[in-house]
Amino acid sequence: MLLKIIFTKEGCKMSTEIDKLINFTKEALTLDRYFLKRYHFYEKTNIFNEISYTLTMEWFPDHLKEWEDTDINPNGTAVIEIDIEQRKFVSIIFVGGKTYVDEPLLNDVTKSNVVQWIEQETELIYDEQFQLQSSVNNEFSFVASFHKIPIYPPANIDIKFDHSGKLVHYSIHGFFPDKTLINVETYTLSRSQIEQIARNQLKFIKFPDDKRKQLRSIYGIEEVFITNNSLRPIVYDPSLDERQVVEMNKNIKWQSPLQSNFIERDLNLSAEVSMDQALSKERKKVLKQLTKDDQMKCFNTVKDFLRQQYATDSGKWQLNKLYRENNYIVAIVRPIEKTNFIFKRKLTVYIDQQSFKIVNYIDNKFMLDVFADYRKPERPIVTKENAYEQLTERITVEPVYVFDPDYNKYILCGKLDCQYGLDAVSGDIIHLDHL
């Protein structure tokens, strides 16, 4: 694929910069038997709201120059994403695990050689910023850590080689903090200190049993992080753990509905940007904060939306969270009434960040309706106190450095969790992964 010639002075500089990235990629990964088929630019945001830009390239094997299917990449295609500013690879994927690269990346695929290559590529330090989680044959998985203590939200590096030692997969996902972002402490939490918190985290939950088409009553421990120095709980929504969110938790009421109809518009959730956006000197470096004024505008527009679409539900909803995603401000709206069903009702509302008008929304009620015909759970026999006594020996509290948005640093915590639950009817202890 030939780059489009741009005659403006700024355009020529951009084209030259892309040429350098393409040539760097070809040389670094020895793609001599490949040609560049197409490329795209993307915008990414980390947990510190810092914005980076990446170039994704699709390199086809030379013998597939006549390939015309634009929807499918053939086996052997190298799909490579590189950070434009840092010139570091984000992912290297050879489709189908097939590569036409002549030379292996490593002459000997061992843990030490893999670690050495990752350290050179990422400038991360093994045992200080990442550690091995698992290795099977020529496939290795690493996770973010600080001196072997895990990091949350998690980050990982996965790398895989074929039988000859040629690289077929590499990806780095999430944020790997250095020691300047860690509030270093000595871990001192004990079980006795968090006993009452553990009891409070024991929840009575209804799980769907797909085989029986019935809801089951289970006691389980809800995961929470407890700060090492002050016993303060930090709770993360797993679906949003890589974003900084504004906690709103504001109830929504109105006196009268709106008679006008809400008109849905198409959503564009792609993070793709133009070359100009990715390479411009004026490109965004930090995600814009949601000001108090922004938050109030979002609240009012969500309220008007509910007055249209959920006209009789005044006082039944709460604006839970706000965050930015691509070209939108996303509002998470939940019912005020709590339930003990494992899956919760949620409205995800997409707001145009310029006009503050709602573009579209997703109501997950259609997913929950799947369980409407499930038989109700049998009456619980086991008490909450008895359930706790049976589960207490299986409760774990392990050190983990957790990103605390209040301090913009990683704080040492104890992760309170339990992989097991107790059936409130039979009294059986169950591994929660089996539900």
Protein backbone atom coordinates (compact mmCIF):
# COMPACT_ATOMS: atom_id res chain seq x y z
CA MET A 1 0.00 0.00 0.00
CA LEU A 2 1.44 3.38 -0.98
CA LEU A 3 0.97 6.35 1.26
CA LYS A 4 -1.10 9.16 -0.13
CA ILE A 5 1.12 12.09 -1.10
CA ILE A 6 0.17 15.25 0.76
CA PHE A 7 1.55 18.51 -0.55
CA THR A 8 1.10 20.78 2.48
CA LYS A 9 4.17 21.37 4.61
CA GLU A 10 2.49 19.93 7.71
CA GLY A 11 1.14 17.03 5.67
CA CYS A 12 4.59 16.13 4.40
CA LYS A 13 5.90 16.04 7.97
CA MET A 14 3.06 13.72 8.96
CA SER A 15 3.70 11.44 6.00
CA THR A 16 7.38 11.30 6.88
CA GLU A 17 6.59 10.40 10.47
CA ILE A 18 4.31 7.56 9.37
CA ASP A 19 6.98 6.36 6.94
CA LYS A 20 9.42 6.15 9.84
CA LEU A 21 6.98 4.15 11.97
CA ILE A 22 6.24 1.76 9.11
CA ASN A 23 9.93 1.23 8.36
CA PHE A 24 10.72 0.81 12.05
CA THR A 25 8.02 -1.87 12.34
CA LYS A 26 9.18 -3.72 9.24
CA GLU A 27 12.78 -3.77 10.41
CA ALA A 28 12.08 -4.58 14.07
CA LEU A 29 9.86 -7.55 13.21
CA THR A 30 11.76 -8.57 10.03
CA LEU A 31 8.67 -8.35 7.82
CA ASP A 32 10.70 -8.73 4.62
CA ARG A 33 8.18 -11.14 3.12
CA TYR A 34 5.24 -8.83 3.87
CA PHE A 35 3.66 -5.73 2.36
CA LEU A 36 1.53 -3.10 4.11
CA LYS A 37 -2.09 -3.56 3.07
CA ARG A 38 -3.84 -0.90 5.17
CA TYR A 39 -3.49 1.15 8.33
CA HIS A 40 -5.61 3.10 10.83
CA PHE A 41 -5.11 5.49 13.75
CA TYR A 42 -6.67 5.15 17.21
CA GLU A 43 -6.99 7.19 20.37
CA LYS A 44 -6.59 5.50 23.77
CA THR A 45 -6.99 6.67 27.35
CA ASN A 46 -5.36 5.25 30.47
CA ILE A 47 -6.55 5.33 34.08
CA PHE A 48 -4.86 8.71 34.59
CA ASN A 49 -6.98 10.14 31.76
CA GLU A 50 -3.83 10.52 29.65
CA ILE A 51 -4.43 10.17 25.92
CA SER A 52 -2.15 8.27 23.58
CA TYR A 53 -2.39 7.61 19.85
CA THR A 54 -1.61 4.38 18.07
CA LEU A 55 -1.04 3.26 14.50
CA THR A 56 -2.57 -0.11 13.58
CA MET A 57 -1.10 -1.78 10.49
CA GLU A 58 -2.24 -4.86 8.58
CA TRP A 59 0.70 -6.51 6.86
CA PHE A 60 -0.13 -9.22 4.30
CA PRO A 61 2.24 -11.97 3.14
CA ASP A 62 3.75 -11.17 -0.28
CA HIS A 63 2.04 -14.13 -1.94
CA LEU A 64 -1.41 -12.70 -1.08
CA LYS A 65 -1.20 -9.43 -3.02
CA GLU A 66 -4.36 -10.32 -4.91
CA TRP A 67 -6.44 -10.84 -1.74
CA GLU A 68 -9.62 -8.77 -2.11
CA ASP A 69 -11.80 -9.66 0.89
CA THR A 70 -11.87 -6.49 3.02
CA ASP A 71 -13.66 -8.15 5.95
CA ILE A 72 -11.32 -11.08 6.62
CA ASN A 73 -7.58 -11.12 7.08
CA PRO A 74 -6.02 -14.38 5.81
CA ASN A 75 -3.90 -16.61 8.02
CA GLY A 76 -0.39 -15.25 8.30
CA THR A 77 -1.49 -11.61 8.26
CA ALA A 78 0.44 -9.53 10.81
CA VAL A 79 -1.87 -7.08 12.61
CA ILE A 80 0.41 -4.71 14.50
CA GLU A 81 -0.43 -1.78 16.76
CA ILE A 82 2.28 0.65 17.85
CA ASP A 83 2.24 3.67 20.17
CA ILE A 84 3.08 6.61 17.91
CA GLU A 85 4.89 8.78 20.46
CA GLN A 86 6.70 6.10 22.44
CA ARG A 87 7.34 3.87 19.41
CA LYS A 88 6.49 0.77 21.43
CA PHE A 89 4.37 -2.13 20.25
CA VAL A 90 0.93 -2.47 21.82
CA SER A 91 0.05 -5.70 20.05
CA ILE A 92 1.53 -8.03 17.44
CA ILE A 93 -0.85 -10.69 16.17
CA PHE A 94 -0.19 -13.14 13.37
CA VAL A 95 -3.62 -14.34 12.25
CA GLY A 96 -4.21 -18.04 12.80
CA GLY A 97 -0.90 -18.37 14.64
CA LYS A 98 0.82 -18.53 11.24
CA THR A 99 3.87 -16.43 10.40
CA TYR A 100 5.99 -16.04 7.27
CA VAL A 101 8.81 -14.27 9.10
CA ASP A 102 12.10 -15.97 8.29
CA GLU A 103 13.93 -15.70 11.60
CA PRO A 104 12.69 -16.53 15.11
CA LEU A 105 12.41 -13.66 17.56
CA LEU A 106 14.30 -15.74 20.13
CA ASN A 107 16.76 -18.52 19.42
CA ASP A 108 15.77 -20.20 22.66
CA VAL A 109 12.29 -19.64 24.12
CA THR A 110 12.93 -19.61 27.87
CA LYS A 111 11.43 -17.56 30.65
CA SER A 112 14.62 -15.54 31.10
CA ASN A 113 14.91 -14.78 27.37
CA VAL A 114 11.24 -13.81 27.13
CA VAL A 115 11.55 -11.56 30.19
CA GLN A 116 14.67 -9.94 28.74
CA TRP A 117 12.89 -9.20 25.44
CA ILE A 118 9.85 -7.73 27.26
CA GLU A 119 12.10 -5.54 29.41
CA GLN A 120 13.85 -4.22 26.31
CA GLU A 121 10.60 -3.64 24.46
CA THR A 122 8.60 -2.06 27.29
CA GLU A 123 11.32 -0.61 29.57
CA LEU A 124 9.49 -2.29 32.46
CA ILE A 125 11.46 -4.01 35.22
CA TYR A 126 10.75 -7.64 36.01
CA ASP A 127 9.78 -8.37 39.66
CA GLU A 128 9.33 -4.65 40.25
CA GLN A 129 6.63 -3.81 37.69
CA PHE A 130 5.53 -7.18 36.33
CA GLN A 131 5.77 -10.87 37.13
CA LEU A 132 5.04 -14.22 35.52
CA GLN A 133 1.51 -15.50 36.08
CA SER A 134 1.62 -18.65 33.97
CA SER A 135 3.57 -20.40 31.23
CA VAL A 136 2.50 -23.38 29.13
CA ASN A 137 4.81 -24.62 26.39
CA ASN A 138 5.73 -21.50 24.40
CA GLU A 139 2.96 -19.29 25.80
CA PHE A 140 3.62 -16.86 28.66
CA SER A 141 1.30 -14.58 30.65
CA PHE A 142 2.59 -11.76 32.86
CA VAL A 143 0.70 -9.39 35.18
CA ALA A 144 1.39 -5.94 36.58
CA SER A 145 2.81 -5.85 40.10
CA PHE A 146 5.00 -3.85 42.43
CA HIS A 147 7.69 -5.95 44.05
CA LYS A 148 5.49 -9.02 43.45
CA ILE A 149 2.36 -7.43 44.96
CA PRO A 150 -0.45 -7.33 42.34
CA ILE A 151 -1.77 -4.09 40.86
CA TYR A 152 -5.44 -3.17 40.44
CA PRO A 153 -6.93 -2.40 37.97
CA PRO A 154 -5.04 -5.32 36.47
CA ALA A 155 -2.67 -5.08 33.53
CA ASN A 156 -1.16 -7.94 31.60
CA ILE A 157 1.34 -8.95 28.94
CA ASP A 158 0.71 -12.05 26.84
CA ILE A 159 3.26 -13.51 24.46
CA LYS A 160 3.26 -16.69 22.38
CA PHE A 161 5.71 -18.41 20.05
CA ASP A 162 5.27 -21.19 17.53
CA HIS A 163 7.24 -24.45 17.72
CA SER A 164 10.22 -22.86 15.95
CA GLY A 165 10.44 -19.88 18.30
CA LYS A 166 8.82 -17.38 15.94
CA LEU A 167 6.58 -14.79 17.58
CA VAL A 168 2.87 -15.28 16.77
CA HIS A 169 1.22 -13.19 19.50
CA TYR A 170 2.17 -10.30 21.74
CA SER A 171 -0.09 -7.87 23.57
CA ILE A 172 0.22 -5.45 26.45
CA HIS A 173 -3.00 -4.28 28.08
CA GLY A 174 -3.58 -1.88 30.96
CA PHE A 175 -1.32 0.43 32.95
CA PHE A 176 1.96 -0.64 34.54
CA PRO A 177 2.87 1.96 37.19
CA ASP A 178 6.43 2.78 38.19
CA LYS A 179 7.45 3.33 41.81
CA THR A 180 6.76 7.09 41.66
CA LEU A 181 3.05 6.27 41.44
CA ILE A 182 3.10 3.82 44.35
CA ASN A 183 2.42 4.83 47.93
CA VAL A 184 4.84 2.30 49.41
CA GLU A 185 3.84 0.80 52.76
CA THR A 186 4.40 -2.25 54.89
CA TYR A 187 1.40 -4.54 54.78
CA THR A 188 -0.10 -4.84 58.28
CA LEU A 189 -3.73 -5.88 57.78
CA SER A 190 -4.92 -8.82 59.83
CA ARG A 191 -8.12 -10.88 59.71
CA SER A 192 -9.16 -9.61 63.10
CA GLN A 193 -9.03 -6.01 61.87
CA ILE A 194 -11.39 -6.62 58.98
CA GLU A 195 -13.72 -9.12 60.65
CA GLN A 196 -16.71 -6.80 60.76
CA ILE A 197 -16.13 -5.62 57.18
CA ALA A 198 -16.03 -9.25 56.05
CA ARG A 199 -19.36 -9.93 57.77
CA ASN A 200 -20.87 -6.87 56.09
CA GLN A 201 -19.64 -8.08 52.69
CA LEU A 202 -21.55 -11.35 52.98
CA LYS A 203 -24.50 -10.94 50.62
CA PHE A 204 -27.59 -13.00 49.87
CA ILE A 205 -27.68 -13.30 46.09
CA LYS A 206 -29.94 -14.97 43.57
CA PHE A 207 -28.08 -16.77 40.77
CA PRO A 208 -29.73 -18.20 37.64
CA ASP A 209 -29.32 -21.94 37.19
CA ASP A 210 -29.62 -22.43 33.43
CA LYS A 211 -29.87 -26.22 33.63
CA ARG A 212 -32.78 -26.20 36.05
CA LYS A 213 -34.28 -22.95 34.72
CA GLN A 214 -34.50 -21.84 38.32
CA LEU A 215 -33.04 -19.11 40.52
CA ARG A 216 -30.76 -20.31 43.32
CA SER A 217 -30.26 -18.56 46.66
CA ILE A 218 -26.54 -18.23 47.42
CA TYR A 219 -24.57 -16.53 50.17
CA GLY A 220 -21.36 -15.01 48.88
CA ILE A 221 -18.69 -12.47 49.81
CA GLU A 222 -18.74 -9.30 47.69
CA GLU A 223 -15.19 -8.36 46.73
CA VAL A 224 -13.85 -5.16 48.28
CA PHE A 225 -10.45 -3.50 48.77
CA ILE A 226 -9.63 -2.30 52.29
CA THR A 227 -6.91 0.33 52.69
CA ASN A 228 -3.95 -0.84 54.74
CA ASN A 229 -3.60 2.28 56.87
CA SER A 230 -7.19 3.40 57.52
CA LEU A 231 -9.45 0.39 56.83
CA ARG A 232 -11.30 2.48 54.23
CA PRO A 233 -13.16 0.38 51.63
CA ILE A 234 -12.54 1.00 47.92
CA VAL A 235 -15.13 -0.53 45.60
CA TYR A 236 -14.63 -0.92 41.85
CA ASP A 237 -17.20 -1.61 39.19
CA PRO A 238 -15.39 -4.35 37.21
CA SER A 239 -16.89 -3.11 33.94
CA LEU A 240 -15.42 0.36 34.49
CA ASP A 241 -12.19 -0.41 36.30
CA GLU A 242 -9.97 1.12 33.62
CA ARG A 243 -11.69 4.50 33.63
CA GLN A 244 -11.84 7.41 36.00
CA VAL A 245 -15.51 8.00 36.72
CA VAL A 246 -17.45 10.73 38.47
CA GLU A 247 -19.62 9.24 41.17
CA MET A 248 -23.00 11.02 41.11
CA ASN A 249 -25.50 8.79 42.94
CA LYS A 250 -28.19 11.43 42.48
CA ASN A 251 -31.89 10.52 42.54
CA ILE A 252 -34.04 11.73 39.64
CA LYS A 253 -37.58 13.04 40.15
CA TRP A 254 -39.97 15.09 38.06
CA GLN A 255 -43.44 16.56 38.33
CA SER A 256 -44.69 15.82 34.82
CA PRO A 257 -43.60 13.81 31.76
CA LEU A 258 -42.42 15.32 28.49
CA GLN A 259 -44.77 14.77 25.58
CA SER A 260 -42.09 14.94 22.88
CA ASN A 261 -40.61 11.74 21.52
CA PHE A 262 -36.98 10.80 21.94
CA ILE A 263 -35.32 10.21 18.56
CA GLU A 264 -32.41 7.78 18.56
CA ARG A 265 -29.34 8.54 16.49
CA ASP A 266 -26.60 6.17 15.38
CA LEU A 267 -23.74 5.63 17.81
CA ASN A 268 -20.13 5.68 16.72
CA LEU A 269 -18.17 3.93 19.47
CA SER A 270 -15.04 3.48 17.41
CA ALA A 271 -11.85 4.98 18.83
CA GLU A 272 -10.50 5.52 15.31
CA VAL A 273 -9.24 9.03 14.51
CA SER A 274 -7.79 10.71 11.46
CA MET A 275 -4.08 10.99 10.73
CA ASP A 276 -4.33 14.72 11.39
CA GLN A 277 -5.76 14.09 14.87
CA ALA A 278 -3.16 11.45 15.71
CA LEU A 279 -0.12 13.43 14.55
CA SER A 280 -1.06 17.07 15.05
CA LYS A 281 1.06 19.05 17.49
CA GLU A 282 -2.20 20.31 19.00
CA ARG A 283 -3.57 16.81 19.62
CA LYS A 284 -5.21 16.18 22.98
CA LYS A 285 -2.88 14.82 25.65
CA VAL A 286 -5.28 14.61 28.59
CA LEU A 287 -8.97 13.79 28.70
CA LYS A 288 -11.02 16.84 29.66
CA GLN A 289 -12.38 16.70 33.19
CA LEU A 290 -16.13 16.72 33.75
CA THR A 291 -16.74 20.01 35.54
CA LYS A 292 -19.57 20.64 37.99
CA ASP A 293 -21.35 22.50 35.20
CA ASP A 294 -20.91 19.52 32.87
CA GLN A 295 -22.26 17.20 35.54
CA MET A 296 -25.35 19.36 36.05
CA LYS A 297 -26.01 19.55 32.31
CA CYS A 298 -25.76 15.77 32.10
CA PHE A 299 -28.12 15.34 35.04
CA ASN A 300 -30.73 17.62 33.50
CA THR A 301 -30.54 16.02 30.06
CA VAL A 302 -30.81 12.53 31.57
CA LYS A 303 -33.83 13.65 33.58
CA ASP A 304 -35.55 15.00 30.47
CA PHE A 305 -34.75 11.75 28.66
CA LEU A 306 -36.38 9.73 31.45
CA ARG A 307 -39.40 12.03 31.35
CA GLN A 308 -39.80 10.99 27.70
CA GLN A 309 -38.94 7.32 27.72
CA TYR A 310 -39.82 6.29 31.29
CA ALA A 311 -42.51 8.87 31.95
CA THR A 312 -44.16 7.11 34.93
CA ASP A 313 -40.88 6.32 36.71
CA SER A 314 -40.31 9.55 38.62
CA GLY A 315 -38.29 8.82 41.75
CA LYS A 316 -37.37 5.31 40.58
CA TRP A 317 -34.00 6.06 38.96
CA GLN A 318 -30.61 7.35 40.05
CA LEU A 319 -27.83 8.91 37.98
CA ASN A 320 -25.06 6.65 39.20
CA LYS A 321 -21.87 7.56 37.29
CA LEU A 322 -20.50 9.71 34.50
CA TYR A 323 -17.40 9.20 32.37
CA ARG A 324 -16.04 10.11 28.95
CA GLU A 325 -15.75 7.53 26.19
CA ASN A 326 -14.66 8.45 22.67
CA ASN A 327 -16.95 11.26 21.52
CA TYR A 328 -19.49 10.87 24.29
CA ILE A 329 -20.16 11.41 27.94
CA VAL A 330 -21.61 8.17 29.22
CA ALA A 331 -24.19 8.22 32.02
CA ILE A 332 -24.90 5.07 34.01
CA VAL A 333 -28.46 5.14 35.36
CA ARG A 334 -29.72 2.51 37.79
CA PRO A 335 -32.97 1.83 39.66
CA ILE A 336 -33.08 3.19 43.21
CA GLU A 337 -34.77 0.01 44.42
CA LYS A 338 -32.14 -2.61 45.16
CA THR A 339 -32.49 -6.29 44.33
CA ASN A 340 -30.42 -9.32 45.30
CA PHE A 341 -30.32 -10.71 41.76
CA ILE A 342 -26.72 -11.11 40.55
CA PHE A 343 -27.43 -9.14 37.35
CA LYS A 344 -28.58 -5.56 37.86
CA ARG A 345 -30.81 -3.35 35.72
CA LYS A 346 -28.91 -0.54 34.04
CA LEU A 347 -29.40 2.21 31.48
CA THR A 348 -26.27 3.26 29.59
CA VAL A 349 -26.95 6.70 28.13
CA TYR A 350 -24.68 8.30 25.52
CA ILE A 351 -24.54 12.11 25.60
CA ASP A 352 -22.93 14.26 22.91
CA GLN A 353 -20.08 16.03 24.70
CA GLN A 354 -20.53 19.23 22.69
CA SER A 355 -24.30 19.76 22.67
CA PHE A 356 -25.12 17.68 25.80
CA LYS A 357 -27.97 16.08 23.88
CA ILE A 358 -28.60 12.37 24.21
CA VAL A 359 -27.64 10.41 21.12
CA ASN A 360 -28.77 6.93 22.12
CA TYR A 361 -29.09 4.54 25.03
CA ILE A 362 -28.98 0.87 25.98
CA ASP A 363 -31.43 -0.65 28.45
CA ASN A 364 -30.25 -4.08 29.60
CA LYS A 365 -33.80 -5.10 30.58
CA PHE A 366 -33.96 -7.31 27.49
CA MET A 367 -31.08 -9.35 28.94
CA LEU A 368 -32.75 -9.68 32.33
CA ASP A 369 -36.05 -10.71 30.72
CA VAL A 370 -34.35 -13.97 29.72
CA PHE A 371 -34.70 -15.03 33.37
CA ALA A 372 -38.31 -13.92 33.79
CA ASP A 373 -39.63 -17.47 33.37
CA TYR A 374 -37.13 -19.07 35.72
CA ARG A 375 -38.71 -20.69 38.77
CA LYS A 376 -38.35 -18.75 41.99
CA PRO A 377 -35.76 -20.01 44.46
CA GLU A 378 -36.77 -22.32 47.23
CA ARG A 379 -37.13 -20.89 50.71
CA PRO A 380 -33.71 -20.39 52.37
CA ILE A 381 -32.93 -22.64 55.34
CA VAL A 382 -29.40 -21.51 56.22
CA THR A 383 -29.13 -18.26 58.18
CA LYS A 384 -26.67 -15.52 57.25
CA GLU A 385 -24.73 -16.04 60.50
CA ASN A 386 -24.41 -19.75 59.88
CA ALA A 387 -23.35 -19.13 56.28
CA TYR A 388 -20.58 -16.81 57.43
CA GLU A 389 -19.27 -19.34 59.93
CA GLN A 390 -19.08 -21.98 57.19
CA LEU A 391 -17.36 -19.68 54.70
CA THR A 392 -15.01 -17.84 57.04
CA GLU A 393 -12.08 -20.23 56.56
CA ARG A 394 -12.32 -19.78 52.79
CA ILE A 395 -12.26 -15.96 52.91
CA THR A 396 -8.97 -14.52 51.68
CA VAL A 397 -7.33 -11.16 52.36
CA GLU A 398 -4.33 -10.56 50.13
CA PRO A 399 -2.17 -7.45 49.61
CA VAL A 400 -2.73 -5.48 46.40
CA TYR A 401 -1.86 -1.97 45.26
CA VAL A 402 -5.10 -0.30 44.17
CA PHE A 403 -5.43 2.88 42.14
CA ASP A 404 -7.19 5.44 44.30
CA PRO A 405 -8.59 8.31 42.18
CA ASP A 406 -8.81 10.51 45.28
CA TYR A 407 -5.00 10.50 45.54
CA ASN A 408 -4.11 9.68 41.91
CA LYS A 409 -1.78 7.00 43.26
CA TYR A 410 -1.75 3.30 43.98
CA ILE A 411 -2.56 2.61 47.64
CA LEU A 412 -1.74 -0.59 49.50
CA CYS A 413 -4.92 -2.49 50.33
CA GLY A 414 -6.11 -5.89 51.38
CA LYS A 415 -8.31 -7.55 48.77
CA LEU A 416 -11.16 -9.23 50.65
CA ASP A 417 -12.64 -12.01 48.56
CA CYS A 418 -13.94 -15.57 48.60
CA GLN A 419 -14.06 -17.93 45.63
CA TYR A 420 -16.83 -19.94 47.27
CA GLY A 421 -20.47 -19.43 48.10
CA LEU A 422 -22.98 -21.36 50.18
CA ASP A 423 -26.31 -22.65 48.89
CA ALA A 424 -28.92 -21.18 51.26
CA VAL A 425 -31.24 -24.15 50.72
CA SER A 426 -28.98 -27.21 50.72
CA GLY A 427 -26.13 -25.79 52.77
CA ASP A 428 -23.61 -26.99 50.17
CA ILE A 429 -20.43 -25.01 49.61
CA ILE A 430 -20.01 -24.19 45.92
CA HIS A 431 -17.14 -22.77 43.88
CA LEU A 432 -18.63 -19.61 42.37
CA ASP A 433 -16.98 -20.25 39.01
CA HIS A 434 -19.22 -23.30 38.67
CA LEU A 435 -22.41 -21.27 38.85
